[in-house]
Amino acid sequence: MEADPLAQKMKKLRKRLGMTQEQVARDLGITMNSVAMWERGERTPTGLYRKALENWIEQKDGRKK
């Protein structure tokens, strides 16, 4: 199963920032297992979790498009 595009963006950004899955999970207030499952494509962030992830990416991504 392929990861959700938003989760793929999170993973790429996480690695670029040198962050662990645990650090991302702490920022988002979720479990590290959830972050890992999103990155592997086993789950898809939805609802409030998706919104939180979108906000996290926007906040952490200092590069402008």
PDB file of N, CA and C in Angstrom:
ATOM      1  N   MET A   1       0.847  -1.190   0.000  1.00  0.00           N
ATOM      2  CA  MET A   1       0.000   0.000   0.000  1.00  0.00           C
ATOM      3  C   MET A   1       0.887   1.247   0.000  1.00  0.00           C
ATOM      4  N   GLU A   2       0.525   2.210  -0.806  1.00  0.00           N
ATOM      5  CA  GLU A   2       1.304   3.439  -0.910  1.00  0.00           C
ATOM      6  C   GLU A   2       0.813   4.456   0.121  1.00  0.00           C
ATOM      7  N   ALA A   3       1.757   5.169   0.701  1.00  0.00           N
ATOM      8  CA  ALA A   3       1.423   6.175   1.716  1.00  0.00           C
ATOM      9  C   ALA A   3       0.670   7.349   1.096  1.00  0.00           C
ATOM     10  N   ASP A   4      -0.189   7.941   1.891  1.00  0.00           N
ATOM     11  CA  ASP A   4      -0.923   9.149   1.514  1.00  0.00           C
ATOM     12  C   ASP A   4       0.082  10.242   1.138  1.00  0.00           C
ATOM     13  N   PRO A   5      -0.197  11.039   0.105  1.00  0.00           N
ATOM     14  CA  PRO A   5       0.745  12.095  -0.300  1.00  0.00           C
ATOM     15  C   PRO A   5       1.117  13.054   0.843  1.00  0.00           C
ATOM     16  N   LEU A   6       0.172  13.349   1.718  1.00  0.00           N
ATOM     17  CA  LEU A   6       0.472  14.230   2.846  1.00  0.00           C
ATOM     18  C   LEU A   6       1.445  13.549   3.809  1.00  0.00           C
ATOM     19  N   ALA A   7       1.251  12.251   4.034  1.00  0.00           N
ATOM     20  CA  ALA A   7       2.157  11.498   4.906  1.00  0.00           C
ATOM     21  C   ALA A   7       3.546  11.398   4.281  1.00  0.00           C
ATOM     22  N   GLN A   8       3.602  11.253   2.962  1.00  0.00           N
ATOM     23  CA  GLN A   8       4.894  11.220   2.274  1.00  0.00           C
ATOM     24  C   GLN A   8       5.613  12.554   2.438  1.00  0.00           C
ATOM     25  N   LYS A   9       4.859  13.643   2.351  1.00  0.00           N
ATOM     26  CA  LYS A   9       5.436  14.976   2.533  1.00  0.00           C
ATOM     27  C   LYS A   9       5.974  15.132   3.958  1.00  0.00           C
ATOM     28  N   MET A  10       5.214  14.615   4.937  1.00  0.00           N
ATOM     29  CA  MET A  10       5.652  14.660   6.330  1.00  0.00           C
ATOM     30  C   MET A  10       6.966  13.907   6.498  1.00  0.00           C
ATOM     31  N   LYS A  11       7.041  12.715   5.932  1.00  0.00           N
ATOM     32  CA  LYS A  11       8.243  11.893   6.064  1.00  0.00           C
ATOM     33  C   LYS A  11       9.456  12.592   5.461  1.00  0.00           C
ATOM     34  N   LYS A  12       9.270  13.142   4.271  1.00  0.00           N
ATOM     35  CA  LYS A  12      10.359  13.857   3.596  1.00  0.00           C
ATOM     36  C   LYS A  12      10.827  15.053   4.420  1.00  0.00           C
ATOM     37  N   LEU A  13       9.882  15.815   4.944  1.00  0.00           N
ATOM     38  CA  LEU A  13      10.208  16.974   5.763  1.00  0.00           C
ATOM     39  C   LEU A  13      10.867  16.548   7.074  1.00  0.00           C
ATOM     40  N   ARG A  14      10.331  15.503   7.692  1.00  0.00           N
ATOM     41  CA  ARG A  14      10.900  14.982   8.942  1.00  0.00           C
ATOM     42  C   ARG A  14      12.360  14.624   8.747  1.00  0.00           C
ATOM     43  N   LYS A  15      12.655  13.926   7.659  1.00  0.00           N
ATOM     44  CA  LYS A  15      14.035  13.524   7.398  1.00  0.00           C
ATOM     45  C   LYS A  15      14.919  14.728   7.095  1.00  0.00           C
ATOM     46  N   ARG A  16      14.375  15.678   6.330  1.00  0.00           N
ATOM     47  CA  ARG A  16      15.152  16.891   6.010  1.00  0.00           C
ATOM     48  C   ARG A  16      15.504  17.659   7.276  1.00  0.00           C
ATOM     49  N   LEU A  17      14.592  17.659   8.238  1.00  0.00           N
ATOM     50  CA  LEU A  17      14.821  18.375   9.495  1.00  0.00           C
ATOM     51  C   LEU A  17      15.617  17.556  10.505  1.00  0.00           C
ATOM     52  N   GLY A  18      15.888  16.292  10.178  1.00  0.00           N
ATOM     53  CA  GLY A  18      16.635  15.430  11.087  1.00  0.00           C
ATOM     54  C   GLY A  18      15.834  15.030  12.313  1.00  0.00           C
ATOM     55  N   MET A  19      14.529  14.946  12.155  1.00  0.00           N
ATOM     56  CA  MET A  19      13.651  14.599  13.275  1.00  0.00           C
ATOM     57  C   MET A  19      13.325  13.108  13.263  1.00  0.00           C
ATOM     58  N   THR A  20      13.050  12.574  14.445  1.00  0.00           N
ATOM     59  CA  THR A  20      12.612  11.189  14.562  1.00  0.00           C
ATOM     60  C   THR A  20      11.092  11.132  14.480  1.00  0.00           C
ATOM     61  N   GLN A  21      10.579   9.936  14.259  1.00  0.00           N
ATOM     62  CA  GLN A  21       9.131   9.746  14.277  1.00  0.00           C
ATOM     63  C   GLN A  21       8.578  10.109  15.652  1.00  0.00           C
ATOM     64  N   GLU A  22       9.338   9.814  16.683  1.00  0.00           N
ATOM     65  CA  GLU A  22       8.911  10.134  18.045  1.00  0.00           C
ATOM     66  C   GLU A  22       8.755  11.647  18.233  1.00  0.00           C
ATOM     67  N   GLN A  23       9.678  12.423  17.694  1.00  0.00           N
ATOM     68  CA  GLN A  23       9.594  13.879  17.814  1.00  0.00           C
ATOM     69  C   GLN A  23       8.377  14.431  17.079  1.00  0.00           C
ATOM     70  N   VAL A  24       8.111  13.897  15.892  1.00  0.00           N
ATOM     71  CA  VAL A  24       6.937  14.332  15.138  1.00  0.00           C
ATOM     72  C   VAL A  24       5.673  13.975  15.908  1.00  0.00           C
ATOM     73  N   ALA A  25       5.629  12.772  16.429  1.00  0.00           N
ATOM     74  CA  ALA A  25       4.465  12.319  17.197  1.00  0.00           C
ATOM     75  C   ALA A  25       4.226  13.230  18.395  1.00  0.00           C
ATOM     76  N   ARG A  26       5.285  13.596  19.075  1.00  0.00           N
ATOM     77  CA  ARG A  26       5.162  14.485  20.236  1.00  0.00           C
ATOM     78  C   ARG A  26       4.601  15.839  19.811  1.00  0.00           C
ATOM     79  N   ASP A  27       5.113  16.373  18.705  1.00  0.00           N
ATOM     80  CA  ASP A  27       4.611  17.652  18.185  1.00  0.00           C
ATOM     81  C   ASP A  27       3.118  17.586  17.877  1.00  0.00           C
ATOM     82  N   LEU A  28       2.681  16.444  17.325  1.00  0.00           N
ATOM     83  CA  LEU A  28       1.294  16.289  16.906  1.00  0.00           C
ATOM     84  C   LEU A  28       0.372  15.786  18.014  1.00  0.00           C
ATOM     85  N   GLY A  29       0.960  15.346  19.130  1.00  0.00           N
ATOM     86  CA  GLY A  29       0.153  14.822  20.235  1.00  0.00           C
ATOM     87  C   GLY A  29      -0.447  13.464  19.923  1.00  0.00           C
ATOM     88  N   ILE A  30       0.293  12.654  19.155  1.00  0.00           N
ATOM     89  CA  ILE A  30      -0.162  11.311  18.800  1.00  0.00           C
ATOM     90  C   ILE A  30       0.932  10.312  19.149  1.00  0.00           C
ATOM     91  N   THR A  31       0.684   9.031  18.885  1.00  0.00           N
ATOM     92  CA  THR A  31       1.692   8.019  19.171  1.00  0.00           C
ATOM     93  C   THR A  31       2.684   7.912  18.013  1.00  0.00           C
ATOM     94  N   MET A  32       3.880   7.453  18.347  1.00  0.00           N
ATOM     95  CA  MET A  32       4.899   7.223  17.334  1.00  0.00           C
ATOM     96  C   MET A  32       4.411   6.144  16.366  1.00  0.00           C
ATOM     97  N   ASN A  33       3.657   5.189  16.870  1.00  0.00           N
ATOM     98  CA  ASN A  33       3.116   4.123  16.036  1.00  0.00           C
ATOM     99  C   ASN A  33       2.219   4.691  14.932  1.00  0.00           C
ATOM    100  N   SER A  34       1.447   5.717  15.254  1.00  0.00           N
ATOM    101  CA  SER A  34       0.591   6.342  14.243  1.00  0.00           C
ATOM    102  C   SER A  34       1.431   6.971  13.138  1.00  0.00           C
ATOM    103  N   VAL A  35       2.477   7.681  13.527  1.00  0.00           N
ATOM    104  CA  VAL A  35       3.365   8.300  12.534  1.00  0.00           C
ATOM    105  C   VAL A  35       3.978   7.217  11.643  1.00  0.00           C
ATOM    106  N   ALA A  36       4.446   6.140  12.253  1.00  0.00           N
ATOM    107  CA  ALA A  36       5.064   5.051  11.497  1.00  0.00           C
ATOM    108  C   ALA A  36       4.067   4.418  10.528  1.00  0.00           C
ATOM    109  N   MET A  37       2.842   4.201  10.975  1.00  0.00           N
ATOM    110  CA  MET A  37       1.826   3.598  10.104  1.00  0.00           C
ATOM    111  C   MET A  37       1.466   4.532   8.952  1.00  0.00           C
ATOM    112  N   TRP A  38       1.409   5.839   9.209  1.00  0.00           N
ATOM    113  CA  TRP A  38       1.152   6.800   8.136  1.00  0.00           C
ATOM    114  C   TRP A  38       2.260   6.721   7.094  1.00  0.00           C
ATOM    115  N   GLU A  39       3.511   6.704   7.572  1.00  0.00           N
ATOM    116  CA  GLU A  39       4.645   6.689   6.656  1.00  0.00           C
ATOM    117  C   GLU A  39       4.704   5.403   5.836  1.00  0.00           C
ATOM    118  N   ARG A  40       4.289   4.290   6.408  1.00  0.00           N
ATOM    119  CA  ARG A  40       4.294   3.010   5.694  1.00  0.00           C
ATOM    120  C   ARG A  40       3.066   2.823   4.810  1.00  0.00           C
ATOM    121  N   GLY A  41       2.103   3.714   4.920  1.00  0.00           N
ATOM    122  CA  GLY A  41       0.894   3.606   4.123  1.00  0.00           C
ATOM    123  C   GLY A  41      -0.132   2.648   4.696  1.00  0.00           C
ATOM    124  N   GLU A  42       0.050   2.250   5.957  1.00  0.00           N
ATOM    125  CA  GLU A  42      -0.892   1.333   6.597  1.00  0.00           C
ATOM    126  C   GLU A  42      -2.138   2.051   7.098  1.00  0.00           C
ATOM    127  N   ARG A  43      -2.005   3.321   7.370  1.00  0.00           N
ATOM    128  CA  ARG A  43      -3.115   4.175   7.802  1.00  0.00           C
ATOM    129  C   ARG A  43      -2.998   5.513   7.085  1.00  0.00           C
ATOM    130  N   THR A  44      -4.110   6.228   7.045  1.00  0.00           N
ATOM    131  CA  THR A  44      -4.149   7.553   6.436  1.00  0.00           C
ATOM    132  C   THR A  44      -4.620   8.557   7.468  1.00  0.00           C
ATOM    133  N   PRO A  45      -3.903   9.672   7.621  1.00  0.00           N
ATOM    134  CA  PRO A  45      -4.363  10.695   8.564  1.00  0.00           C
ATOM    135  C   PRO A  45      -5.678  11.306   8.076  1.00  0.00           C
ATOM    136  N   THR A  46      -6.669  11.340   8.956  1.00  0.00           N
ATOM    137  CA  THR A  46      -7.981  11.885   8.598  1.00  0.00           C
ATOM    138  C   THR A  46      -8.454  12.855   9.674  1.00  0.00           C
ATOM    139  N   GLY A  47      -9.477  13.590   9.341  1.00  0.00           N
ATOM    140  CA  GLY A  47     -10.130  14.478  10.310  1.00  0.00           C
ATOM    141  C   GLY A  47      -9.184  15.467  10.956  1.00  0.00           C
ATOM    142  N   LEU A  48      -9.294  15.555  12.275  1.00  0.00           N
ATOM    143  CA  LEU A  48      -8.465  16.499  13.028  1.00  0.00           C
ATOM    144  C   LEU A  48      -6.982  16.165  12.933  1.00  0.00           C
ATOM    145  N   TYR A  49      -6.659  14.872  12.798  1.00  0.00           N
ATOM    146  CA  TYR A  49      -5.258  14.476  12.670  1.00  0.00           C
ATOM    147  C   TYR A  49      -4.673  14.978  11.352  1.00  0.00           C
ATOM    148  N   ARG A  50      -5.467  14.927  10.304  1.00  0.00           N
ATOM    149  CA  ARG A  50      -4.998  15.427   9.007  1.00  0.00           C
ATOM    150  C   ARG A  50      -4.771  16.935   9.077  1.00  0.00           C
ATOM    151  N   LYS A  51      -5.699  17.642   9.704  1.00  0.00           N
ATOM    152  CA  LYS A  51      -5.565  19.098   9.848  1.00  0.00           C
ATOM    153  C   LYS A  51      -4.325  19.436  10.679  1.00  0.00           C
ATOM    154  N   ALA A  52      -4.107  18.692  11.762  1.00  0.00           N
ATOM    155  CA  ALA A  52      -2.923  18.917  12.600  1.00  0.00           C
ATOM    156  C   ALA A  52      -1.645  18.668  11.804  1.00  0.00           C
ATOM    157  N   LEU A  53      -1.662  17.619  10.972  1.00  0.00           N
ATOM    158  CA  LEU A  53      -0.494  17.315  10.150  1.00  0.00           C
ATOM    159  C   LEU A  53      -0.256  18.407   9.116  1.00  0.00           C
ATOM    160  N   GLU A  54      -1.310  18.888   8.488  1.00  0.00           N
ATOM    161  CA  GLU A  54      -1.178  19.991   7.528  1.00  0.00           C
ATOM    162  C   GLU A  54      -0.575  21.218   8.200  1.00  0.00           C
ATOM    163  N   ASN A  55      -1.050  21.536   9.389  1.00  0.00           N
ATOM    164  CA  ASN A  55      -0.524  22.687  10.132  1.00  0.00           C
ATOM    165  C   ASN A  55       0.934  22.482  10.513  1.00  0.00           C
ATOM    166  N   TRP A  56       1.281  21.261  10.928  1.00  0.00           N
ATOM    167  CA  TRP A  56       2.655  20.945  11.325  1.00  0.00           C
ATOM    168  C   TRP A  56       3.589  21.137  10.128  1.00  0.00           C
ATOM    169  N   ILE A  57       3.180  20.619   8.973  1.00  0.00           N
ATOM    170  CA  ILE A  57       4.006  20.747   7.767  1.00  0.00           C
ATOM    171  C   ILE A  57       4.191  22.219   7.411  1.00  0.00           C
ATOM    172  N   GLU A  58       3.114  22.965   7.452  1.00  0.00           N
ATOM    173  CA  GLU A  58       3.192  24.394   7.124  1.00  0.00           C
ATOM    174  C   GLU A  58       4.119  25.131   8.088  1.00  0.00           C
ATOM    175  N   GLN A  59       4.032  24.791   9.362  1.00  0.00           N
ATOM    176  CA  GLN A  59       4.848  25.443  10.383  1.00  0.00           C
ATOM    177  C   GLN A  59       6.326  25.079  10.245  1.00  0.00           C
ATOM    178  N   LYS A  60       6.609  23.811   9.970  1.00  0.00           N
ATOM    179  CA  LYS A  60       7.998  23.327   9.943  1.00  0.00           C
ATOM    180  C   LYS A  60       8.715  23.578   8.625  1.00  0.00           C
ATOM    181  N   ASP A  61       7.949  23.688   7.544  1.00  0.00           N
ATOM    182  CA  ASP A  61       8.565  23.836   6.228  1.00  0.00           C
ATOM    183  C   ASP A  61       8.892  25.300   5.972  1.00  0.00           C
ATOM    184  N   GLY A  62      10.129  25.666   6.222  1.00  0.00           N
ATOM    185  CA  GLY A  62      10.542  27.058   6.055  1.00  0.00           C
ATOM    186  C   GLY A  62      10.713  27.482   4.613  1.00  0.00           C
ATOM    187  N   ARG A  63      10.774  26.491   3.729  1.00  0.00           N
ATOM    188  CA  ARG A  63      10.935  26.815   2.304  1.00  0.00           C
ATOM    189  C   ARG A  63       9.598  27.245   1.729  1.00  0.00           C
ATOM    190  N   LYS A  64       9.638  28.281   0.967  1.00  0.00           N
ATOM    191  CA  LYS A  64       8.411  28.764   0.309  1.00  0.00           C
ATOM    192  C   LYS A  64       8.338  28.167  -1.085  1.00  0.00           C
ATOM    193  N   LYS A  65       7.135  27.880  -1.524  1.00  0.00           N
ATOM    194  CA  LYS A  65       6.945  27.295  -2.847  1.00  0.00           C
ATOM    195  C   LYS A  65       7.046  28.360  -3.907  1.00  0.00           C
TER     196      LYS A  65
END
